[in-house]
């Protein structure tokens, strides 16, 4: 994972005002007791959902990080 200062990051990215940066997505971290398995390709035609799940999901023991 990458640690960012949320306010500083958002301030700087909005100040850039570059169209090529309009494709970024920010989601809060979802803290869980257990990870779920996402099967491919049955449910999803692309890997977007499983990748997003893996990027925004952490065990609850990491929640102290906020």
N, C-alpha and C. Protein backbone atom coordinates (compact mmCIF):
# COMPACT_ATOMS: atom_id res chain seq x y z
N UNK A 1 0.83 -1.18 0.00
CA UNK A 1 0.00 0.00 0.00
C UNK A 1 0.88 1.24 0.00
N UNK A 2 0.30 2.31 -0.43
CA UNK A 2 1.00 3.58 -0.48
C UNK A 2 0.33 4.53 0.50
N UNK A 3 1.12 5.17 1.32
CA UNK A 3 0.56 6.12 2.27
C UNK A 3 0.59 7.51 1.66
N UNK A 4 -0.57 8.18 1.70
CA UNK A 4 -0.69 9.53 1.17
C UNK A 4 -1.35 10.43 2.19
N UNK A 5 -0.99 11.69 2.17
CA UNK A 5 -1.72 12.68 2.92
C UNK A 5 -2.92 13.05 2.04
N UNK A 6 -4.10 12.62 2.43
CA UNK A 6 -5.28 12.76 1.57
C UNK A 6 -5.54 14.20 1.14
N UNK A 7 -5.54 15.12 2.09
CA UNK A 7 -5.83 16.51 1.76
C UNK A 7 -4.78 17.07 0.80
N UNK A 8 -3.51 16.84 1.11
CA UNK A 8 -2.43 17.35 0.27
C UNK A 8 -2.51 16.74 -1.14
N UNK A 9 -2.78 15.45 -1.21
CA UNK A 9 -2.88 14.77 -2.50
C UNK A 9 -4.01 15.36 -3.33
N UNK A 10 -5.20 15.49 -2.74
CA UNK A 10 -6.35 16.01 -3.48
C UNK A 10 -6.12 17.47 -3.90
N UNK A 11 -5.55 18.25 -3.02
CA UNK A 11 -5.26 19.65 -3.37
C UNK A 11 -4.34 19.73 -4.57
N UNK A 12 -3.30 18.92 -4.57
CA UNK A 12 -2.33 18.98 -5.66
C UNK A 12 -2.89 18.43 -6.96
N UNK A 13 -3.66 17.37 -6.90
CA UNK A 13 -4.18 16.78 -8.14
C UNK A 13 -5.20 17.70 -8.79
N UNK A 14 -5.99 18.39 -7.98
CA UNK A 14 -6.96 19.35 -8.53
C UNK A 14 -6.27 20.59 -9.09
N UNK A 15 -5.16 20.97 -8.49
CA UNK A 15 -4.42 22.13 -8.98
C UNK A 15 -3.79 21.87 -10.34
N UNK A 16 -3.46 20.62 -10.61
CA UNK A 16 -2.84 20.29 -11.89
C UNK A 16 -3.78 20.55 -13.06
N UNK A 17 -5.06 20.21 -12.86
CA UNK A 17 -6.09 20.46 -13.87
C UNK A 17 -5.68 19.96 -15.26
N UNK A 18 -5.25 18.71 -15.32
CA UNK A 18 -4.84 18.12 -16.59
C UNK A 18 -5.85 17.04 -16.98
N UNK A 19 -6.38 17.09 -18.19
CA UNK A 19 -7.38 16.11 -18.62
C UNK A 19 -6.89 14.66 -18.53
N UNK A 20 -5.61 14.42 -18.76
CA UNK A 20 -5.10 13.05 -18.71
C UNK A 20 -5.13 12.47 -17.30
N UNK A 21 -5.33 13.30 -16.29
CA UNK A 21 -5.42 12.82 -14.91
C UNK A 21 -6.87 12.62 -14.46
N UNK A 22 -7.81 12.81 -15.34
CA UNK A 22 -9.22 12.67 -14.98
C UNK A 22 -9.66 11.22 -14.87
N UNK A 23 -8.74 10.30 -15.08
CA UNK A 23 -9.08 8.89 -15.04
C UNK A 23 -8.67 8.23 -13.72
N UNK A 24 -8.41 8.98 -12.70
CA UNK A 24 -8.04 8.39 -11.42
C UNK A 24 -9.30 8.10 -10.60
N UNK A 25 -9.20 7.12 -9.74
CA UNK A 25 -10.33 6.73 -8.91
C UNK A 25 -9.82 6.59 -7.47
N UNK A 26 -10.53 7.20 -6.55
CA UNK A 26 -10.17 7.12 -5.15
C UNK A 26 -11.32 6.51 -4.37
N UNK A 27 -11.03 5.50 -3.59
CA UNK A 27 -12.04 4.84 -2.77
C UNK A 27 -11.51 4.71 -1.35
N UNK A 28 -12.40 4.76 -0.38
CA UNK A 28 -11.95 4.51 0.99
C UNK A 28 -11.57 3.03 1.16
N UNK A 29 -10.70 2.76 2.11
CA UNK A 29 -10.32 1.38 2.39
C UNK A 29 -11.45 0.70 3.15
N UNK A 30 -11.73 -0.52 2.76
CA UNK A 30 -12.75 -1.34 3.41
C UNK A 30 -12.03 -2.34 4.32
N UNK A 31 -12.23 -2.22 5.63
CA UNK A 31 -11.58 -3.12 6.59
C UNK A 31 -12.52 -4.28 6.91
N UNK A 32 -12.03 -5.50 6.77
CA UNK A 32 -12.88 -6.70 6.92
C UNK A 32 -12.24 -7.71 7.86
N UNK A 33 -13.07 -8.59 8.41
CA UNK A 33 -12.58 -9.69 9.25
C UNK A 33 -11.96 -10.79 8.39
N UNK A 34 -12.54 -11.02 7.22
CA UNK A 34 -12.05 -12.08 6.32
C UNK A 34 -12.17 -11.61 4.87
N UNK A 35 -11.20 -11.98 4.07
CA UNK A 35 -11.24 -11.64 2.65
C UNK A 35 -12.14 -12.62 1.91
N UNK A 36 -12.77 -12.15 0.86
CA UNK A 36 -13.63 -13.00 0.05
C UNK A 36 -12.91 -13.36 -1.24
N UNK A 37 -13.20 -14.54 -1.73
CA UNK A 37 -12.65 -14.97 -3.01
C UNK A 37 -13.58 -14.49 -4.13
N UNK A 38 -13.00 -13.90 -5.14
CA UNK A 38 -13.77 -13.47 -6.30
C UNK A 38 -13.34 -14.35 -7.46
N UNK A 39 -14.28 -15.11 -7.98
CA UNK A 39 -13.94 -16.04 -9.07
C UNK A 39 -14.00 -15.32 -10.42
N UNK A 40 -13.06 -15.67 -11.26
CA UNK A 40 -12.99 -15.13 -12.61
C UNK A 40 -13.04 -16.28 -13.59
N UNK A 41 -13.55 -16.17 -14.75
CA UNK A 41 -14.26 -15.05 -15.34
C UNK A 41 -15.78 -15.19 -15.23
N UNK A 42 -16.27 -16.17 -14.47
CA UNK A 42 -17.70 -16.44 -14.39
C UNK A 42 -18.55 -15.18 -14.16
N UNK A 43 -18.18 -14.39 -13.17
CA UNK A 43 -19.02 -13.27 -12.78
C UNK A 43 -18.63 -11.95 -13.42
N UNK A 44 -17.38 -11.83 -13.84
CA UNK A 44 -16.92 -10.55 -14.35
C UNK A 44 -16.25 -10.71 -15.70
N UNK A 45 -16.67 -9.93 -16.69
CA UNK A 45 -16.04 -10.03 -18.01
C UNK A 45 -14.64 -9.40 -18.05
N UNK A 46 -14.31 -8.58 -17.04
CA UNK A 46 -12.97 -7.98 -16.99
C UNK A 46 -12.45 -8.08 -15.56
N UNK A 47 -11.16 -7.90 -15.36
CA UNK A 47 -10.60 -8.01 -14.01
C UNK A 47 -10.78 -6.75 -13.15
N UNK A 48 -11.50 -5.76 -13.63
CA UNK A 48 -11.63 -4.50 -12.90
C UNK A 48 -12.14 -4.67 -11.47
N UNK A 49 -13.22 -5.39 -11.30
CA UNK A 49 -13.82 -5.53 -9.96
C UNK A 49 -12.89 -6.28 -9.00
N UNK A 50 -12.35 -7.43 -9.38
CA UNK A 50 -11.41 -8.11 -8.47
C UNK A 50 -10.19 -7.26 -8.12
N UNK A 51 -9.64 -6.54 -9.10
CA UNK A 51 -8.49 -5.69 -8.82
C UNK A 51 -8.87 -4.56 -7.87
N UNK A 52 -10.00 -3.94 -8.11
CA UNK A 52 -10.46 -2.87 -7.23
C UNK A 52 -10.66 -3.40 -5.81
N UNK A 53 -11.30 -4.56 -5.70
CA UNK A 53 -11.50 -5.18 -4.39
C UNK A 53 -10.16 -5.39 -3.68
N UNK A 54 -9.18 -5.88 -4.40
CA UNK A 54 -7.89 -6.15 -3.77
C UNK A 54 -7.16 -4.87 -3.36
N UNK A 55 -7.41 -3.78 -4.05
CA UNK A 55 -6.75 -2.52 -3.73
C UNK A 55 -7.40 -1.77 -2.57
N UNK A 56 -8.68 -2.00 -2.34
CA UNK A 56 -9.38 -1.21 -1.31
C UNK A 56 -9.82 -2.04 -0.11
N UNK A 57 -9.34 -3.28 0.00
CA UNK A 57 -9.75 -4.14 1.10
C UNK A 57 -8.53 -4.54 1.93
N UNK A 58 -8.67 -4.38 3.25
CA UNK A 58 -7.61 -4.77 4.18
C UNK A 58 -8.25 -5.45 5.38
N UNK A 59 -7.45 -6.25 6.08
CA UNK A 59 -7.94 -6.85 7.32
C UNK A 59 -8.17 -5.75 8.36
N UNK A 60 -9.14 -5.98 9.25
CA UNK A 60 -9.47 -5.00 10.29
C UNK A 60 -8.27 -4.67 11.17
N UNK A 61 -7.34 -5.60 11.30
CA UNK A 61 -6.17 -5.33 12.13
C UNK A 61 -5.34 -4.16 11.62
N UNK A 62 -5.56 -3.77 10.36
CA UNK A 62 -4.85 -2.61 9.78
C UNK A 62 -5.64 -1.31 9.93
N UNK A 63 -6.80 -1.34 10.53
CA UNK A 63 -7.66 -0.17 10.58
C UNK A 63 -7.07 0.99 11.38
N UNK A 64 -6.11 0.70 12.25
CA UNK A 64 -5.47 1.78 13.00
C UNK A 64 -4.79 2.79 12.07
N UNK A 65 -4.48 2.37 10.85
CA UNK A 65 -3.81 3.25 9.89
C UNK A 65 -4.70 4.38 9.40
N UNK A 66 -5.99 4.12 9.36
CA UNK A 66 -6.98 5.03 8.78
C UNK A 66 -6.60 5.40 7.36
